[in-house]
PDB file of all heavy atoms in Angstrom:
ATOM      1  N   PRO A   1      56.825-156.295  63.004  1.00  0.00           N
ATOM      2  CA  PRO A   1      55.608-156.524  62.212  1.00  0.00           C
ATOM      3  C   PRO A   1      55.426-158.003  61.854  1.00  0.00           C
ATOM      4  O   PRO A   1      56.395-158.742  61.670  1.00  0.00           O
ATOM      5  CB  PRO A   1      55.870-155.705  60.949  1.00  0.00           C
ATOM      6  CG  PRO A   1      57.359-155.702  60.815  1.00  0.00           C
ATOM      7  CD  PRO A   1      57.920-155.764  62.204  1.00  0.00           C
ATOM      8  N   TYR A   2      54.161-158.415  61.782  1.00  0.00           N
ATOM      9  CA  TYR A   2      53.799-159.774  61.380  1.00  0.00           C
ATOM     10  C   TYR A   2      52.590-159.698  60.447  1.00  0.00           C
ATOM     11  O   TYR A   2      51.685-158.898  60.656  1.00  0.00           O
ATOM     12  CB  TYR A   2      53.424-160.632  62.594  1.00  0.00           C
ATOM     13  CG  TYR A   2      54.508-160.703  63.636  1.00  0.00           C
ATOM     14  CD1 TYR A   2      54.483-159.846  64.739  1.00  0.00           C
ATOM     15  CD2 TYR A   2      55.560-161.598  63.528  1.00  0.00           C
ATOM     16  CE1 TYR A   2      55.475-159.897  65.704  1.00  0.00           C
ATOM     17  CE2 TYR A   2      56.561-161.649  64.490  1.00  0.00           C
ATOM     18  CZ  TYR A   2      56.511-160.801  65.577  1.00  0.00           C
ATOM     19  OH  TYR A   2      57.495-160.838  66.529  1.00  0.00           O
ATOM     20  N   PHE A   3      52.591-160.547  59.423  1.00  0.00           N
ATOM     21  CA  PHE A   3      51.483-160.643  58.477  1.00  0.00           C
ATOM     22  C   PHE A   3      51.027-162.095  58.417  1.00  0.00           C
ATOM     23  O   PHE A   3      51.853-163.004  58.462  1.00  0.00           O
ATOM     24  CB  PHE A   3      51.927-160.236  57.062  1.00  0.00           C
ATOM     25  CG  PHE A   3      52.336-158.795  56.928  1.00  0.00           C
ATOM     26  CD1 PHE A   3      53.616-158.377  57.236  1.00  0.00           C
ATOM     27  CD2 PHE A   3      51.429-157.849  56.464  1.00  0.00           C
ATOM     28  CE1 PHE A   3      53.997-157.054  57.091  1.00  0.00           C
ATOM     29  CE2 PHE A   3      51.794-156.520  56.315  1.00  0.00           C
ATOM     30  CZ  PHE A   3      53.084-156.124  56.633  1.00  0.00           C
ATOM     31  N   SER A   4      49.727-162.331  58.265  1.00  0.00           N
ATOM     32  CA  SER A   4      49.227-163.706  58.181  1.00  0.00           C
ATOM     33  C   SER A   4      49.517-164.337  56.826  1.00  0.00           C
ATOM     34  O   SER A   4      49.493-165.563  56.700  1.00  0.00           O
ATOM     35  CB  SER A   4      47.724-163.741  58.450  1.00  0.00           C
ATOM     36  OG  SER A   4      47.014-163.031  57.451  1.00  0.00           O
ATOM     37  N   ARG A   5      49.798-163.516  55.839  1.00  0.00           N
ATOM     38  CA  ARG A   5      50.132-164.042  54.512  1.00  0.00           C
ATOM     39  C   ARG A   5      51.050-163.065  53.789  1.00  0.00           C
ATOM     40  O   ARG A   5      51.102-161.887  54.126  1.00  0.00           O
ATOM     41  CB  ARG A   5      48.883-164.325  53.674  1.00  0.00           C
ATOM     42  CG  ARG A   5      47.885-163.206  53.613  1.00  0.00           C
ATOM     43  CD  ARG A   5      46.639-163.579  52.821  1.00  0.00           C
ATOM     44  NE  ARG A   5      46.916-163.740  51.419  1.00  0.00           N
ATOM     45  CZ  ARG A   5      47.129-162.738  50.573  1.00  0.00           C
ATOM     46  NH1 ARG A   5      47.105-161.497  50.990  1.00  0.00           N
ATOM     47  NH2 ARG A   5      47.347-162.979  49.302  1.00  0.00           N
ATOM     48  N   THR A   6      51.774-163.585  52.825  1.00  0.00           N
ATOM     49  CA  THR A   6      52.772-162.784  52.123  1.00  0.00           C
ATOM     50  C   THR A   6      52.299-162.446  50.710  1.00  0.00           C
ATOM     51  O   THR A   6      51.793-163.308  49.996  1.00  0.00           O
ATOM     52  CB  THR A   6      54.101-163.565  52.035  1.00  0.00           C
ATOM     53  OG1 THR A   6      54.525-163.866  53.353  1.00  0.00           O
ATOM     54  CG2 THR A   6      55.175-162.753  51.365  1.00  0.00           C
ATOM     55  N   SER A   7      52.463-161.182  50.348  1.00  0.00           N
ATOM     56  CA  SER A   7      52.156-160.710  49.004  1.00  0.00           C
ATOM     57  C   SER A   7      52.905-159.400  48.797  1.00  0.00           C
ATOM     58  O   SER A   7      53.111-158.645  49.742  1.00  0.00           O
ATOM     59  CB  SER A   7      50.653-160.462  48.846  1.00  0.00           C
ATOM     60  OG  SER A   7      50.390-159.729  47.669  1.00  0.00           O
ATOM     61  N   LYS A   8      53.283-159.121  47.583  1.00  0.00           N
ATOM     62  CA  LYS A   8      54.001-157.868  47.312  1.00  0.00           C
ATOM     63  C   LYS A   8      53.134-156.649  47.583  1.00  0.00           C
ATOM     64  O   LYS A   8      53.639-155.551  47.785  1.00  0.00           O
ATOM     65  CB  LYS A   8      54.527-157.839  45.880  1.00  0.00           C
ATOM     66  CG  LYS A   8      53.449-157.760  44.814  1.00  0.00           C
ATOM     67  CD  LYS A   8      54.048-157.689  43.432  1.00  0.00           C
ATOM     68  CE  LYS A   8      53.009-157.654  42.352  1.00  0.00           C
ATOM     69  NZ  LYS A   8      52.098-156.525  42.408  1.00  0.00           N
ATOM     70  N   ASP A   9      51.817-156.829  47.647  1.00  0.00           N
ATOM     71  CA  ASP A   9      50.899-155.714  47.865  1.00  0.00           C
ATOM     72  C   ASP A   9      50.421-155.572  49.311  1.00  0.00           C
ATOM     73  O   ASP A   9      49.646-154.667  49.605  1.00  0.00           O
ATOM     74  CB  ASP A   9      49.689-155.836  46.946  1.00  0.00           C
ATOM     75  CG  ASP A   9      50.087-155.738  45.487  1.00  0.00           C
ATOM     76  OD1 ASP A   9      50.949-154.900  45.163  1.00  0.00           O
ATOM     77  OD2 ASP A   9      49.544-156.511  44.674  1.00  0.00           O
ATOM     78  N   ASN A  10      50.846-156.447  50.209  1.00  0.00           N
ATOM     79  CA  ASN A  10      50.459-156.340  51.615  1.00  0.00           C
ATOM     80  C   ASN A  10      51.436-155.414  52.336  1.00  0.00           C
ATOM     81  O   ASN A  10      52.623-155.709  52.430  1.00  0.00           O
ATOM     82  CB  ASN A  10      50.480-157.699  52.306  1.00  0.00           C
ATOM     83  CG  ASN A  10      49.370-158.600  51.837  1.00  0.00           C
ATOM     84  OD1 ASN A  10      48.443-158.166  51.175  1.00  0.00           O
ATOM     85  ND2 ASN A  10      49.462-159.867  52.192  1.00  0.00           N
ATOM     86  N   GLU A  11      50.908-154.307  52.837  1.00  0.00           N
ATOM     87  CA  GLU A  11      51.763-153.336  53.508  1.00  0.00           C
ATOM     88  C   GLU A  11      51.104-152.846  54.789  1.00  0.00           C
ATOM     89  O   GLU A  11      49.879-152.714  54.847  1.00  0.00           O
ATOM     90  CB  GLU A  11      52.050-152.146  52.590  1.00  0.00           C
ATOM     91  CG  GLU A  11      52.850-152.542  51.372  1.00  0.00           C
ATOM     92  CD  GLU A  11      53.172-151.370  50.461  1.00  0.00           C
ATOM     93  OE1 GLU A  11      52.550-150.305  50.597  1.00  0.00           O
ATOM     94  OE2 GLU A  11      54.059-151.546  49.615  1.00  0.00           O
ATOM     95  N   ALA A  12      51.926-152.584  55.801  1.00  0.00           N
ATOM     96  CA  ALA A  12      51.454-152.009  57.060  1.00  0.00           C
ATOM     97  C   ALA A  12      52.216-150.720  57.301  1.00  0.00           C
ATOM     98  O   ALA A  12      53.401-150.613  56.952  1.00  0.00           O
ATOM     99  CB  ALA A  12      51.681-152.983  58.212  1.00  0.00           C
ATOM    100  N   TYR A  13      51.519-149.751  57.901  1.00  0.00           N
ATOM    101  CA  TYR A  13      52.120-148.442  58.163  1.00  0.00           C
ATOM    102  C   TYR A  13      51.856-148.036  59.606  1.00  0.00           C
ATOM    103  O   TYR A  13      50.774-148.277  60.127  1.00  0.00           O
ATOM    104  CB  TYR A  13      51.530-147.369  57.240  1.00  0.00           C
ATOM    105  CG  TYR A  13      51.466-147.769  55.790  1.00  0.00           C
ATOM    106  CD1 TYR A  13      50.263-147.995  55.157  1.00  0.00           C
ATOM    107  CD2 TYR A  13      52.641-147.929  55.052  1.00  0.00           C
ATOM    108  CE1 TYR A  13      50.203-148.361  53.818  1.00  0.00           C
ATOM    109  CE2 TYR A  13      52.599-148.297  53.711  1.00  0.00           C
ATOM    110  CZ  TYR A  13      51.369-148.512  53.104  1.00  0.00           C
ATOM    111  OH  TYR A  13      51.322-148.887  51.789  1.00  0.00           O
ATOM    112  N   ILE A  14      52.839-147.389  60.213  1.00  0.00           N
ATOM    113  CA  ILE A  14      52.675-146.823  61.543  1.00  0.00           C
ATOM    114  C   ILE A  14      52.708-145.299  61.391  1.00  0.00           C
ATOM    115  O   ILE A  14      53.627-144.755  60.778  1.00  0.00           O
ATOM    116  CB  ILE A  14      53.803-147.268  62.498  1.00  0.00           C
ATOM    117  CG1 ILE A  14      53.840-148.788  62.625  1.00  0.00           C
ATOM    118  CG2 ILE A  14      53.656-146.600  63.866  1.00  0.00           C
ATOM    119  CD1 ILE A  14      52.689-149.382  63.383  1.00  0.00           C
ATOM    120  N   TYR A  15      51.708-144.651  61.956  1.00  0.00           N
ATOM    121  CA  TYR A  15      51.610-143.192  61.912  1.00  0.00           C
ATOM    122  C   TYR A  15      51.679-142.596  63.312  1.00  0.00           C
ATOM    123  O   TYR A  15      51.172-143.184  64.263  1.00  0.00           O
ATOM    124  CB  TYR A  15      50.267-142.755  61.311  1.00  0.00           C
ATOM    125  CG  TYR A  15      50.159-142.877  59.823  1.00  0.00           C
ATOM    126  CD1 TYR A  15      49.738-144.060  59.230  1.00  0.00           C
ATOM    127  CD2 TYR A  15      50.455-141.792  59.010  1.00  0.00           C
ATOM    128  CE1 TYR A  15      49.619-144.165  57.856  1.00  0.00           C
ATOM    129  CE2 TYR A  15      50.329-141.887  57.631  1.00  0.00           C
ATOM    130  CZ  TYR A  15      49.917-143.077  57.061  1.00  0.00           C
ATOM    131  OH  TYR A  15      49.792-143.183  55.699  1.00  0.00           O
ATOM    132  N   MET A  16      52.275-141.414  63.399  1.00  0.00           N
ATOM    133  CA  MET A  16      52.188-140.556  64.569  1.00  0.00           C
ATOM    134  C   MET A  16      51.490-139.299  64.063  1.00  0.00           C
ATOM    135  O   MET A  16      52.020-138.618  63.171  1.00  0.00           O
ATOM    136  CB  MET A  16      53.578-140.210  65.112  1.00  0.00           C
ATOM    137  CG  MET A  16      53.552-139.203  66.253  1.00  0.00           C
ATOM    138  SD  MET A  16      55.195-138.785  66.906  1.00  0.00           S
ATOM    139  CE  MET A  16      55.867-137.833  65.535  1.00  0.00           C
ATOM    140  N   ARG A  17      50.318-139.029  64.584  1.00  0.00           N
ATOM    141  CA  ARG A  17      49.446-137.978  64.038  1.00  0.00           C
ATOM    142  C   ARG A  17      49.179-138.305  62.563  1.00  0.00           C
ATOM    143  O   ARG A  17      48.626-139.340  62.270  1.00  0.00           O
ATOM    144  CB  ARG A  17      50.063-136.596  64.213  1.00  0.00           C
ATOM    145  CG  ARG A  17      50.214-136.155  65.650  1.00  0.00           C
ATOM    146  CD  ARG A  17      50.720-134.714  65.721  1.00  0.00           C
ATOM    147  NE  ARG A  17      50.890-134.256  67.062  1.00  0.00           N
ATOM    148  CZ  ARG A  17      52.085-134.113  67.642  1.00  0.00           C
ATOM    149  NH1 ARG A  17      53.187-134.376  66.988  1.00  0.00           N
ATOM    150  NH2 ARG A  17      52.152-133.683  68.881  1.00  0.00           N
ATOM    151  N   THR A  18      49.618-137.445  61.658  1.00  0.00           N
ATOM    152  CA  THR A  18      49.427-137.716  60.224  1.00  0.00           C
ATOM    153  C   THR A  18      50.737-138.077  59.535  1.00  0.00           C
ATOM    154  O   THR A  18      50.773-138.245  58.319  1.00  0.00           O
ATOM    155  CB  THR A  18      48.829-136.477  59.517  1.00  0.00           C
ATOM    156  OG1 THR A  18      49.714-135.372  59.710  1.00  0.00           O
ATOM    157  CG2 THR A  18      47.458-136.138  60.075  1.00  0.00           C
ATOM    158  N   GLU A  19      51.804-138.208  60.302  1.00  0.00           N
ATOM    159  CA  GLU A  19      53.127-138.510  59.741  1.00  0.00           C
ATOM    160  C   GLU A  19      53.382-140.017  59.746  1.00  0.00           C
ATOM    161  O   GLU A  19      53.324-140.662  60.786  1.00  0.00           O
ATOM    162  CB  GLU A  19      54.208-137.808  60.561  1.00  0.00           C
ATOM    163  CG  GLU A  19      55.605-138.068  60.064  1.00  0.00           C
ATOM    164  CD  GLU A  19      56.662-137.418  60.953  1.00  0.00           C
ATOM    165  OE1 GLU A  19      56.313-136.739  61.923  1.00  0.00           O
ATOM    166  OE2 GLU A  19      57.843-137.617  60.657  1.00  0.00           O
ATOM    167  N   ARG A  20      53.671-140.571  58.577  1.00  0.00           N
ATOM    168  CA  ARG A  20      54.015-141.996  58.483  1.00  0.00           C
ATOM    169  C   ARG A  20      55.453-142.159  58.969  1.00  0.00           C
ATOM    170  O   ARG A  20      56.383-141.623  58.384  1.00  0.00           O
ATOM    171  CB  ARG A  20      53.893-142.483  57.053  1.00  0.00           C
ATOM    172  CG  ARG A  20      54.140-143.980  56.911  1.00  0.00           C
ATOM    173  CD  ARG A  20      54.070-144.428  55.475  1.00  0.00           C
ATOM    174  NE  ARG A  20      52.705-144.372  54.977  1.00  0.00           N
ATOM    175  CZ  ARG A  20      52.377-144.660  53.721  1.00  0.00           C
ATOM    176  NH1 ARG A  20      53.304-144.991  52.848  1.00  0.00           N
ATOM    177  NH2 ARG A  20      51.121-144.590  53.334  1.00  0.00           N
ATOM    178  N   ILE A  21      55.632-142.921  60.061  1.00  0.00           N
ATOM    179  CA  ILE A  21      56.969-143.083  60.631  1.00  0.00           C
ATOM    180  C   ILE A  21      57.593-144.437  60.320  1.00  0.00           C
ATOM    181  O   ILE A  21      58.802-144.594  60.438  1.00  0.00           O
ATOM    182  CB  ILE A  21      56.978-142.798  62.154  1.00  0.00           C
ATOM    183  CG1 ILE A  21      55.996-143.700  62.892  1.00  0.00           C
ATOM    184  CG2 ILE A  21      56.697-141.334  62.430  1.00  0.00           C
ATOM    185  CD1 ILE A  21      56.041-143.550  64.402  1.00  0.00           C
ATOM    186  N   HIS A  22      56.773-145.419  59.930  1.00  0.00           N
ATOM    187  CA  HIS A  22      57.288-146.732  59.529  1.00  0.00           C
ATOM    188  C   HIS A  22      56.396-147.311  58.445  1.00  0.00           C
ATOM    189  O   HIS A  22      55.181-147.136  58.483  1.00  0.00           O
ATOM    190  CB  HIS A  22      57.327-147.715  60.709  1.00  0.00           C
ATOM    191  CG  HIS A  22      58.371-147.417  61.720  1.00  0.00           C
ATOM    192  ND1 HIS A  22      59.702-147.652  61.507  1.00  0.00           N
ATOM    193  CD2 HIS A  22      58.286-146.884  62.955  1.00  0.00           C
ATOM    194  CE1 HIS A  22      60.393-147.293  62.566  1.00  0.00           C
ATOM    195  NE2 HIS A  22      59.548-146.810  63.462  1.00  0.00           N
ATOM    196  N   ALA A  23      57.003-148.015  57.504  1.00  0.00           N
ATOM    197  CA  ALA A  23      56.269-148.717  56.455  1.00  0.00           C
ATOM    198  C   ALA A  23      56.886-150.101  56.283  1.00  0.00           C
ATOM    199  O   ALA A  23      58.111-150.233  56.263  1.00  0.00           O
ATOM    200  CB  ALA A  23      56.338-147.946  55.145  1.00  0.00           C
ATOM    201  N   PHE A  24      56.032-151.125  56.191  1.00  0.00           N
ATOM    202  CA  PHE A  24      56.512-152.507  56.088  1.00  0.00           C
ATOM    203  C   PHE A  24      55.789-153.223  54.961  1.00  0.00           C
ATOM    204  O   PHE A  24      54.576-153.118  54.836  1.00  0.00           O
ATOM    205  CB  PHE A  24      56.254-153.272  57.391  1.00  0.00           C
ATOM    206  CG  PHE A  24      56.819-152.606  58.597  1.00  0.00           C
ATOM    207  CD1 PHE A  24      56.020-151.856  59.431  1.00  0.00           C
ATOM    208  CD2 PHE A  24      58.172-152.708  58.887  1.00  0.00           C
ATOM    209  CE1 PHE A  24      56.545-151.223  60.545  1.00  0.00           C
ATOM    210  CE2 PHE A  24      58.710-152.083  60.001  1.00  0.00           C
ATOM    211  CZ  PHE A  24      57.890-151.339  60.827  1.00  0.00           C
ATOM    212  N   ASN A  25      56.543-153.966  54.162  1.00  0.00           N
ATOM    213  CA  ASN A  25      55.989-154.801  53.112  1.00  0.00           C
ATOM    214  C   ASN A  25      56.111-156.252  53.570  1.00  0.00           C
ATOM    215  O   ASN A  25      57.157-156.657  54.083  1.00  0.00           O
ATOM    216  CB  ASN A  25      56.746-154.585  51.802  1.00  0.00           C
ATOM    217  CG  ASN A  25      56.189-155.426  50.694  1.00  0.00           C
ATOM    218  OD1 ASN A  25      56.446-156.618  50.628  1.00  0.00           O
ATOM    219  ND2 ASN A  25      55.412-154.809  49.821  1.00  0.00           N
ATOM    220  N   SER A  26      55.055-157.045  53.387  1.00  0.00           N
ATOM    221  CA  SER A  26      55.056-158.414  53.907  1.00  0.00           C
ATOM    222  C   SER A  26      56.145-159.294  53.282  1.00  0.00           C
ATOM    223  O   SER A  26      56.657-160.199  53.936  1.00  0.00           O
ATOM    224  CB  SER A  26      53.692-159.068  53.728  1.00  0.00           C
ATOM    225  OG  SER A  26      53.386-159.234  52.362  1.00  0.00           O
ATOM    226  N   LEU A  27      56.543-159.039  52.026  1.00  0.00           N
ATOM    227  CA  LEU A  27      57.612-159.840  51.411  1.00  0.00           C
ATOM    228  C   LEU A  27      58.936-159.626  52.139  1.00  0.00           C
ATOM    229  O   LEU A  27      59.670-160.574  52.424  1.00  0.00           O
ATOM    230  CB  LEU A  27      57.771-159.491  49.934  1.00  0.00           C
ATOM    231  CG  LEU A  27      56.704-159.997  48.983  1.00  0.00           C
ATOM    232  CD1 LEU A  27      56.979-159.500  47.570  1.00  0.00           C
ATOM    233  CD2 LEU A  27      56.609-161.497  49.019  1.00  0.00           C
ATOM    234  N   VAL A  28      59.246-158.376  52.462  1.00  0.00           N
ATOM    235  CA  VAL A  28      60.494-158.065  53.164  1.00  0.00           C
ATOM    236  C   VAL A  28      60.445-158.598  54.595  1.00  0.00           C
ATOM    237  O   VAL A  28      61.394-159.217  55.068  1.00  0.00           O
ATOM    238  CB  VAL A  28      60.749-156.538  53.161  1.00  0.00           C
ATOM    239  CG1 VAL A  28      61.976-156.190  53.983  1.00  0.00           C
ATOM    240  CG2 VAL A  28      60.894-156.038  51.737  1.00  0.00           C
ATOM    241  N   VAL A  29      59.327-158.373  55.269  1.00  0.00           N
ATOM    242  CA  VAL A  29      59.172-158.841  56.650  1.00  0.00           C
ATOM    243  C   VAL A  29      59.323-160.357  56.720  1.00  0.00           C
ATOM    244  O   VAL A  29      60.030-160.886  57.574  1.00  0.00           O
ATOM    245  CB  VAL A  29      57.806-158.395  57.212  1.00  0.00           C
ATOM    246  CG1 VAL A  29      57.491-159.105  58.516  1.00  0.00           C
ATOM    247  CG2 VAL A  29      57.782-156.893  57.402  1.00  0.00           C
ATOM    248  N   ASP A  30      58.664-161.070  55.801  1.00  0.00           N
ATOM    249  CA  ASP A  30      58.714-162.533  55.809  1.00  0.00           C
ATOM    250  C   ASP A  30      60.103-163.058  55.434  1.00  0.00           C
ATOM    251  O   ASP A  30      60.533-164.095  55.919  1.00  0.00           O
ATOM    252  CB  ASP A  30      57.667-163.101  54.850  1.00  0.00           C
ATOM    253  CG  ASP A  30      57.493-164.590  55.031  1.00  0.00           C
ATOM    254  OD1 ASP A  30      57.285-165.025  56.171  1.00  0.00           O
ATOM    255  OD2 ASP A  30      57.586-165.314  54.022  1.00  0.00           O
ATOM    256  N   THR A  31      60.814-162.361  54.579  1.00  0.00           N
ATOM    257  CA  THR A  31      62.147-162.794  54.156  1.00  0.00           C
ATOM    258  C   THR A  31      63.168-162.658  55.280  1.00  0.00           C
ATOM    259  O   THR A  31      63.936-163.573  55.553  1.00  0.00           O
ATOM    260  CB  THR A  31      62.619-161.977  52.935  1.00  0.00           C
ATOM    261  OG1 THR A  31      61.695-162.194  51.870  1.00  0.00           O
ATOM    262  CG2 THR A  31      64.007-162.393  52.500  1.00  0.00           C
ATOM    263  N   TYR A  32      63.180-161.512  55.952  1.00  0.00           N
ATOM    264  CA  TYR A  32      64.227-161.235  56.941  1.00  0.00           C
ATOM    265  C   TYR A  32      63.844-161.598  58.365  1.00  0.00           C
ATOM    266  O   TYR A  32      64.724-161.831  59.195  1.00  0.00           O
ATOM    267  CB  TYR A  32      64.654-159.771  56.854  1.00  0.00           C
ATOM    268  CG  TYR A  32      65.306-159.466  55.536  1.00  0.00           C
ATOM    269  CD1 TYR A  32      64.650-158.725  54.572  1.00  0.00           C
ATOM    270  CD2 TYR A  32      66.558-159.967  55.232  1.00  0.00           C
ATOM    271  CE1 TYR A  32      65.233-158.473  53.347  1.00  0.00           C
ATOM    272  CE2 TYR A  32      67.152-159.724  54.009  1.00  0.00           C
ATOM    273  CZ  TYR A  32      66.490-158.966  53.073  1.00  0.00           C
ATOM    274  OH  TYR A  32      67.067-158.730  51.861  1.00  0.00           O
ATOM    275  N   LYS A  33      62.560-161.609  58.688  1.00  0.00           N
ATOM    276  CA  LYS A  33      62.073-162.018  60.009  1.00  0.00           C
ATOM    277  C   LYS A  33      62.882-161.409  61.158  1.00  0.00           C
ATOM    278  O   LYS A  33      63.442-162.104  61.991  1.00  0.00           O
ATOM    279  CB  LYS A  33      62.072-163.537  60.130  1.00  0.00           C
ATOM    280  CG  LYS A  33      61.148-164.231  59.172  1.00  0.00           C
ATOM    281  CD  LYS A  33      61.211-165.725  59.350  1.00  0.00           C
ATOM    282  CE  LYS A  33      60.296-166.542  58.556  1.00  0.00           C
ATOM    283  NZ  LYS A  33      59.864-166.266  57.291  1.00  0.00           N
ATOM    284  N   ARG A  34      62.960-160.090  61.175  1.00  0.00           N
ATOM    285  CA  ARG A  34      63.737-159.427  62.216  1.00  0.00           C
ATOM    286  C   ARG A  34      62.997-158.193  62.715  1.00  0.00           C
ATOM    287  O   ARG A  34      62.158-157.632  62.010  1.00  0.00           O
ATOM    288  CB  ARG A  34      65.097-159.019  61.689  1.00  0.00           C
ATOM    289  CG  ARG A  34      65.026-157.973  60.595  1.00  0.00           C
ATOM    290  CD  ARG A  34      66.408-157.556  60.104  1.00  0.00           C
ATOM    291  NE  ARG A  34      66.318-156.604  59.033  1.00  0.00           N
ATOM    292  CZ  ARG A  34      66.191-155.289  59.188  1.00  0.00           C
ATOM    293  NH1 ARG A  34      66.141-154.784  60.389  1.00  0.00           N
ATOM    294  NH2 ARG A  34      66.132-154.481  58.160  1.00  0.00           N
ATOM    295  N   PRO A  35      63.303-157.755  63.930  1.00  0.00           N
ATOM    296  CA  PRO A  35      62.726-156.501  64.416  1.00  0.00           C
ATOM    297  C   PRO A  35      63.405-155.305  63.754  1.00  0.00           C
ATOM    298  O   PRO A  35      64.539-155.411  63.281  1.00  0.00           O
ATOM    299  CB  PRO A  35      63.004-156.529  65.916  1.00  0.00           C
ATOM    300  CG  PRO A  35      64.149-157.454  66.075  1.00  0.00           C
ATOM    301  CD  PRO A  35      64.104-158.430  64.939  1.00  0.00           C
ATOM    302  N   TYR A  36      62.716-154.187  63.732  1.00  0.00           N
ATOM    303  CA  TYR A  36      63.241-152.969  63.121  1.00  0.00           C
ATOM    304  C   TYR A  36      63.511-151.937  64.221  1.00  0.00           C
ATOM    305  O   TYR A  36      62.590-151.569  64.944  1.00  0.00           O
ATOM    306  CB  TYR A  36      62.235-152.406  62.106  1.00  0.00           C
ATOM    307  CG  TYR A  36      62.045-153.331  60.937  1.00  0.00           C
ATOM    308  CD1 TYR A  36      61.169-154.405  60.998  1.00  0.00           C
ATOM    309  CD2 TYR A  36      62.772-153.154  59.768  1.00  0.00           C
ATOM    310  CE1 TYR A  36      61.011-155.270  59.925  1.00  0.00           C
ATOM    311  CE2 TYR A  36      62.612-154.012  58.690  1.00  0.00           C
ATOM    312  CZ  TYR A  36      61.735-155.067  58.779  1.00  0.00           C
ATOM    313  OH  TYR A  36      61.576-155.925  57.727  1.00  0.00           O
ATOM    314  N   PRO A  37      64.752-151.481  64.358  1.00  0.00           N
ATOM    315  CA  PRO A  37      65.055-150.483  65.390  1.00  0.00           C
ATOM    316  C   PRO A  37      64.454-149.121  65.039  1.00  0.00           C
ATOM    317  O   PRO A  37      64.213-148.821  63.874  1.00  0.00           O
ATOM    318  CB  PRO A  37      66.581-150.428  65.391  1.00  0.00           C
ATOM    319  CG  PRO A  37      66.989-150.905  64.041  1.00  0.00           C
ATOM    320  CD  PRO A  37      65.925-151.855  63.579  1.00  0.00           C
ATOM    321  N   SER A  38      64.229-148.327  66.072  1.00  0.00           N
ATOM    322  CA  SER A  38      63.658-147.007  65.879  1.00  0.00           C
ATOM    323  C   SER A  38      64.103-146.106  67.021  1.00  0.00           C
ATOM    324  O   SER A  38      64.544-146.588  68.056  1.00  0.00           O
ATOM    325  CB  SER A  38      62.133-147.100  65.860  1.00  0.00           C
ATOM    326  OG  SER A  38      61.552-145.847  65.632  1.00  0.00           O
TER     327      SER A  38
END
């Protein structure tokens, strides 16, 4: 995941059908800068 800006309220979600399978917060993504295995 990548975000153009960081905020505690910026979140991205990946869904399969109606099931949320991944959730990302821009603060965590920007801090660790790593891919997430699945």
